[in-house]
Structures are given as C-alpha cells and as structure tokens.
Amino acid sequence: MMKKLLYTVVVLCAFTSVKAQKEEPRELNCYNKWAIRFEERGAEEVADGVYTDVIITIRVGPKANCYNGKAEVLKGKLLKCYIIREDGTYEEVARTWKNNSNKDVDIINGMSRSLVSVHNELINVLWPKKVKAKKASFQQAAEPTDD
C-alpha cells in the first residue's frame, strides 16, 4: 500500500514538472514582429534627411506600442524623433535619458539603437520602407523515382 502511494506521488510530481516546463509561447508584440522582419531580410542604409514614414516603438518589459512617426537623421545618426498624433501634429519623443542614450544613436540594419529612459522605456525608430524585398524561396528538387 505504501509503495502504491509513493509511486502515485512520484508520478504526479513528474507530471506536474513536465506540465510546468510546457509554457505557452509568448505572443509577439509589434516591436518583435518588425525586428524579426529586419533581421530576416536586412535593410538598406538610411541616408541623412527627414523621414515621415518611420515607426517609433516604446517598450516596457514584454509590452510594446508602435506609433507612426517622423525622424531626423544626420551623419548616419538619429537626431530627433516625433510621434504623429491623430490630428496630424507631431510630438517630440522627449524623455530624461539614461547614460546619454539619446546621443550618437546609430542606425543599424534599418533600426535605431535603443534609447533608454530613466523609467526603463526602450525606444527605437524603425524605417520599414528600407527593409529589403522578400527573397524568393528555394526551388524544391524532385523526389527520386523507381525507374
């Protein structure tokens, strides 16, 4: 009787352990979806100028918000960025930044380096029109025949 009880406890513990290891996959947020696309396809270089077709992402932990925006680029660096309001006006993304993370912001592969606010917001500017076109898939070879 004691062996059966011990066996049942061991089986239940093992089942609980396996169930705990099977976590539901996290849903990708808007930033993650864009980051995957940029990584898979690559992006063309972002030239100096003012862009009114960027996406500004603001992340805190696993949550992200993505907004349409405008960005200024000079000497290959992000100078300023703005979020477009629904009435068509722009609001500069102004924060108190950690460690001068808003200075000399590189743009690599169509995405700015992360700016970090004192409230631990991670902010990136993305240039979606710079993403390279999707490459054609590889052509599958024929299976061998019994001829």
C-alpha atoms as a PDB file:
ATOM      1  CA  MET A   1       0.000   0.000   0.000  1.00  0.00           C
ATOM      2  CA  MET A   2       2.812   2.400   0.890  1.00  0.00           C
ATOM      3  CA  LYS A   3       4.596   1.591  -2.389  1.00  0.00           C
ATOM      4  CA  LYS A   4       1.450   2.432  -4.396  1.00  0.00           C
ATOM      5  CA  LEU A   5       1.081   5.730  -2.575  1.00  0.00           C
ATOM      6  CA  LEU A   6       4.753   6.579  -3.102  1.00  0.00           C
ATOM      7  CA  TYR A   7       4.500   5.604  -6.794  1.00  0.00           C
ATOM      8  CA  THR A   8       1.413   7.815  -7.238  1.00  0.00           C
ATOM      9  CA  VAL A   9       3.182  10.774  -5.608  1.00  0.00           C
ATOM     10  CA  VAL A  10       6.244  10.323  -7.843  1.00  0.00           C
ATOM     11  CA  VAL A  11       4.088  10.104 -10.994  1.00  0.00           C
ATOM     12  CA  LEU A  12       2.096  13.189 -10.015  1.00  0.00           C
ATOM     13  CA  CYS A  13       5.294  15.134  -9.310  1.00  0.00           C
ATOM     14  CA  ALA A  14       6.762  14.117 -12.668  1.00  0.00           C
ATOM     15  CA  PHE A  15       3.548  15.065 -14.484  1.00  0.00           C
ATOM     16  CA  THR A  16       3.438  18.437 -12.730  1.00  0.00           C
ATOM     17  CA  SER A  17       7.090  19.057 -13.591  1.00  0.00           C
ATOM     18  CA  VAL A  18       6.537  18.261 -17.285  1.00  0.00           C
ATOM     19  CA  LYS A  19       3.405  20.418 -17.389  1.00  0.00           C
ATOM     20  CA  ALA A  20       5.278  23.322 -15.773  1.00  0.00           C
ATOM     21  CA  GLN A  21       8.012  23.089 -18.413  1.00  0.00           C
ATOM     22  CA  LYS A  22       5.478  23.356 -21.251  1.00  0.00           C
ATOM     23  CA  GLU A  23       4.949  27.107 -21.225  1.00  0.00           C
ATOM     24  CA  GLU A  24       2.664  28.729 -23.694  1.00  0.00           C
ATOM     25  CA  PRO A  25       4.682  30.547 -26.350  1.00  0.00           C
ATOM     26  CA  ARG A  26       4.618  34.284 -25.813  1.00  0.00           C
ATOM     27  CA  GLU A  27       2.712  36.320 -28.315  1.00  0.00           C
ATOM     28  CA  LEU A  28       4.993  38.570 -30.317  1.00  0.00           C
ATOM     29  CA  ASN A  29       4.479  42.286 -29.841  1.00  0.00           C
ATOM     30  CA  CYS A  30       4.694  44.831 -32.668  1.00  0.00           C
ATOM     31  CA  TYR A  31       8.377  45.529 -31.996  1.00  0.00           C
ATOM     32  CA  ASN A  32       9.309  41.831 -32.074  1.00  0.00           C
ATOM     33  CA  LYS A  33       7.445  41.304 -35.348  1.00  0.00           C
ATOM     34  CA  TRP A  34       9.296  44.172 -37.011  1.00  0.00           C
ATOM     35  CA  ALA A  35      12.668  43.161 -35.526  1.00  0.00           C
ATOM     36  CA  ILE A  36      12.266  39.651 -36.949  1.00  0.00           C
ATOM     37  CA  ARG A  37      11.449  41.061 -40.382  1.00  0.00           C
ATOM     38  CA  PHE A  38      14.502  43.356 -40.350  1.00  0.00           C
ATOM     39  CA  GLU A  39      16.759  40.526 -39.184  1.00  0.00           C
ATOM     40  CA  GLU A  40      15.471  38.066 -41.794  1.00  0.00           C
ATOM     41  CA  ARG A  41      15.579  40.425 -44.781  1.00  0.00           C
ATOM     42  CA  GLY A  42      18.106  43.081 -43.909  1.00  0.00           C
ATOM     43  CA  ALA A  43      17.680  46.746 -44.744  1.00  0.00           C
ATOM     44  CA  GLU A  44      19.176  49.373 -46.979  1.00  0.00           C
ATOM     45  CA  GLU A  45      21.229  52.174 -45.454  1.00  0.00           C
ATOM     46  CA  VAL A  46      19.295  55.110 -44.006  1.00  0.00           C
ATOM     47  CA  ALA A  47      20.598  58.306 -45.623  1.00  0.00           C
ATOM     48  CA  ASP A  48      20.595  61.725 -43.972  1.00  0.00           C
ATOM     49  CA  GLY A  49      17.276  63.545 -44.095  1.00  0.00           C
ATOM     50  CA  VAL A  50      13.842  63.868 -42.544  1.00  0.00           C
ATOM     51  CA  TYR A  51      11.610  60.801 -42.746  1.00  0.00           C
ATOM     52  CA  THR A  52       7.859  61.000 -42.168  1.00  0.00           C
ATOM     53  CA  ASP A  53       7.269  57.269 -42.608  1.00  0.00           C
ATOM     54  CA  VAL A  54       9.033  55.741 -39.607  1.00  0.00           C
ATOM     55  CA  ILE A  55       7.683  53.603 -36.797  1.00  0.00           C
ATOM     56  CA  ILE A  56       8.536  54.521 -33.234  1.00  0.00           C
ATOM     57  CA  THR A  57       8.391  51.693 -30.728  1.00  0.00           C
ATOM     58  CA  ILE A  58       8.138  52.193 -26.995  1.00  0.00           C
ATOM     59  CA  ARG A  59       8.673  49.090 -24.885  1.00  0.00           C
ATOM     60  CA  VAL A  60       8.447  48.388 -21.187  1.00  0.00           C
ATOM     61  CA  GLY A  61       9.058  44.770 -20.271  1.00  0.00           C
ATOM     62  CA  PRO A  62       7.195  42.475 -22.681  1.00  0.00           C
ATOM     63  CA  LYS A  63       4.710  45.170 -23.717  1.00  0.00           C
ATOM     64  CA  ALA A  64       5.255  47.368 -26.759  1.00  0.00           C
ATOM     65  CA  ASN A  65       3.424  50.173 -28.506  1.00  0.00           C
ATOM     66  CA  CYS A  66       4.222  51.127 -32.081  1.00  0.00           C
ATOM     67  CA  TYR A  67       3.387  54.548 -33.475  1.00  0.00           C
ATOM     68  CA  ASN A  68       3.738  56.270 -36.828  1.00  0.00           C
ATOM     69  CA  GLY A  69       6.313  58.978 -36.646  1.00  0.00           C
ATOM     70  CA  LYS A  70       8.903  61.293 -38.100  1.00  0.00           C
ATOM     71  CA  ALA A  71      12.662  61.155 -37.626  1.00  0.00           C
ATOM     72  CA  GLU A  72      15.648  63.341 -38.418  1.00  0.00           C
ATOM     73  CA  VAL A  73      18.924  61.706 -39.473  1.00  0.00           C
ATOM     74  CA  LEU A  74      22.294  63.478 -39.772  1.00  0.00           C
ATOM     75  CA  LYS A  75      25.658  61.843 -40.445  1.00  0.00           C
ATOM     76  CA  GLY A  76      24.024  58.430 -40.154  1.00  0.00           C
ATOM     77  CA  LYS A  77      22.774  59.144 -36.616  1.00  0.00           C
ATOM     78  CA  LEU A  78      19.260  59.662 -35.264  1.00  0.00           C
ATOM     79  CA  LEU A  79      18.892  63.263 -34.096  1.00  0.00           C
ATOM     80  CA  LYS A  80      15.251  63.557 -33.064  1.00  0.00           C
ATOM     81  CA  CYS A  81      12.040  61.611 -33.444  1.00  0.00           C
ATOM     82  CA  TYR A  82       8.403  62.566 -33.213  1.00  0.00           C
ATOM     83  CA  ILE A  83       5.154  60.632 -32.858  1.00  0.00           C
ATOM     84  CA  ILE A  84       2.325  61.665 -35.170  1.00  0.00           C
ATOM     85  CA  ARG A  85      -0.923  62.459 -33.352  1.00  0.00           C
ATOM     86  CA  GLU A  86      -4.288  61.567 -34.847  1.00  0.00           C
ATOM     87  CA  ASP A  87      -4.844  65.237 -35.778  1.00  0.00           C
ATOM     88  CA  GLY A  88      -1.655  65.193 -37.889  1.00  0.00           C
ATOM     89  CA  THR A  89       0.516  67.160 -35.475  1.00  0.00           C
ATOM     90  CA  TYR A  90       3.853  65.892 -34.194  1.00  0.00           C
ATOM     91  CA  GLU A  91       5.047  65.472 -30.628  1.00  0.00           C
ATOM     92  CA  GLU A  92       8.750  65.044 -29.990  1.00  0.00           C
ATOM     93  CA  VAL A  93       9.734  61.935 -28.079  1.00  0.00           C
ATOM     94  CA  ALA A  94      11.334  63.775 -25.181  1.00  0.00           C
ATOM     95  CA  ARG A  95      12.410  61.894 -22.092  1.00  0.00           C
ATOM     96  CA  THR A  96      15.035  62.049 -19.403  1.00  0.00           C
ATOM     97  CA  TRP A  97      17.551  59.603 -20.797  1.00  0.00           C
ATOM     98  CA  LYS A  98      19.813  57.156 -19.019  1.00  0.00           C
ATOM     99  CA  ASN A  99      23.544  57.413 -19.717  1.00  0.00           C
ATOM    100  CA  ASN A 100      23.027  59.869 -22.620  1.00  0.00           C
ATOM    101  CA  SER A 101      21.465  57.046 -24.639  1.00  0.00           C
ATOM    102  CA  ASN A 102      19.963  59.716 -26.908  1.00  0.00           C
ATOM    103  CA  LYS A 103      23.420  60.878 -28.089  1.00  0.00           C
ATOM    104  CA  ASP A 104      25.128  59.440 -31.181  1.00  0.00           C
ATOM    105  CA  VAL A 105      22.287  56.997 -31.840  1.00  0.00           C
ATOM    106  CA  ASP A 106      23.437  54.597 -34.547  1.00  0.00           C
ATOM    107  CA  ILE A 107      21.084  53.231 -37.171  1.00  0.00           C
ATOM    108  CA  ILE A 108      21.929  49.640 -37.947  1.00  0.00           C
ATOM    109  CA  ASN A 109      20.058  47.481 -40.444  1.00  0.00           C
ATOM    110  CA  GLY A 110      17.132  49.929 -40.644  1.00  0.00           C
ATOM    111  CA  MET A 111      16.644  50.210 -36.880  1.00  0.00           C
ATOM    112  CA  SER A 112      17.990  52.738 -34.407  1.00  0.00           C
ATOM    113  CA  ARG A 113      19.902  51.609 -31.373  1.00  0.00           C
ATOM    114  CA  SER A 114      17.655  51.561 -28.280  1.00  0.00           C
ATOM    115  CA  LEU A 115      17.245  54.771 -26.348  1.00  0.00           C
ATOM    116  CA  VAL A 116      16.657  54.097 -22.640  1.00  0.00           C
ATOM    117  CA  SER A 117      14.644  56.440 -20.429  1.00  0.00           C
ATOM    118  CA  VAL A 118      15.039  56.752 -16.669  1.00  0.00           C
ATOM    119  CA  HIS A 119      11.708  54.903 -16.443  1.00  0.00           C
ATOM    120  CA  ASN A 120      13.260  51.939 -18.294  1.00  0.00           C
ATOM    121  CA  GLU A 121      11.376  52.537 -21.519  1.00  0.00           C
ATOM    122  CA  LEU A 122      13.211  51.197 -24.559  1.00  0.00           C
ATOM    123  CA  ILE A 123      12.584  53.364 -27.613  1.00  0.00           C
ATOM    124  CA  ASN A 124      13.598  52.501 -31.170  1.00  0.00           C
ATOM    125  CA  VAL A 125      12.956  54.102 -34.530  1.00  0.00           C
ATOM    126  CA  LEU A 126      12.342  51.751 -37.468  1.00  0.00           C
ATOM    127  CA  TRP A 127      12.482  52.539 -41.180  1.00  0.00           C
ATOM    128  CA  PRO A 128      10.041  49.969 -42.679  1.00  0.00           C
ATOM    129  CA  LYS A 129      10.499  51.202 -46.263  1.00  0.00           C
ATOM    130  CA  LYS A 130      14.199  50.330 -46.007  1.00  0.00           C
ATOM    131  CA  VAL A 131      13.502  46.622 -45.449  1.00  0.00           C
ATOM    132  CA  LYS A 132      14.811  44.619 -48.379  1.00  0.00           C
ATOM    133  CA  ALA A 133      12.336  42.738 -50.551  1.00  0.00           C
ATOM    134  CA  LYS A 134      11.494  39.192 -49.599  1.00  0.00           C
ATOM    135  CA  LYS A 135      13.724  36.727 -51.381  1.00  0.00           C
ATOM    136  CA  ALA A 136      12.151  34.007 -53.488  1.00  0.00           C
ATOM    137  CA  SER A 137      12.002  30.621 -51.796  1.00  0.00           C
ATOM    138  CA  PHE A 138      14.349  27.851 -52.793  1.00  0.00           C
ATOM    139  CA  GLN A 139      13.017  25.589 -55.507  1.00  0.00           C
ATOM    140  CA  GLN A 140      12.364  22.072 -54.264  1.00  0.00           C
ATOM    141  CA  ALA A 141      14.100  19.217 -56.087  1.00  0.00           C
ATOM    142  CA  ALA A 142      12.144  16.285 -57.446  1.00  0.00           C
ATOM    143  CA  GLU A 143      11.920  13.109 -55.363  1.00  0.00           C
ATOM    144  CA  PRO A 144      13.732  10.066 -56.765  1.00  0.00           C
ATOM    145  CA  THR A 145      11.669   7.678 -58.851  1.00  0.00           C
ATOM    146  CA  ASP A 146      11.796   3.875 -59.076  1.00  0.00           C
ATOM    147  CA  ASP A 147      12.677   3.834 -62.806  1.00  0.00           C
END
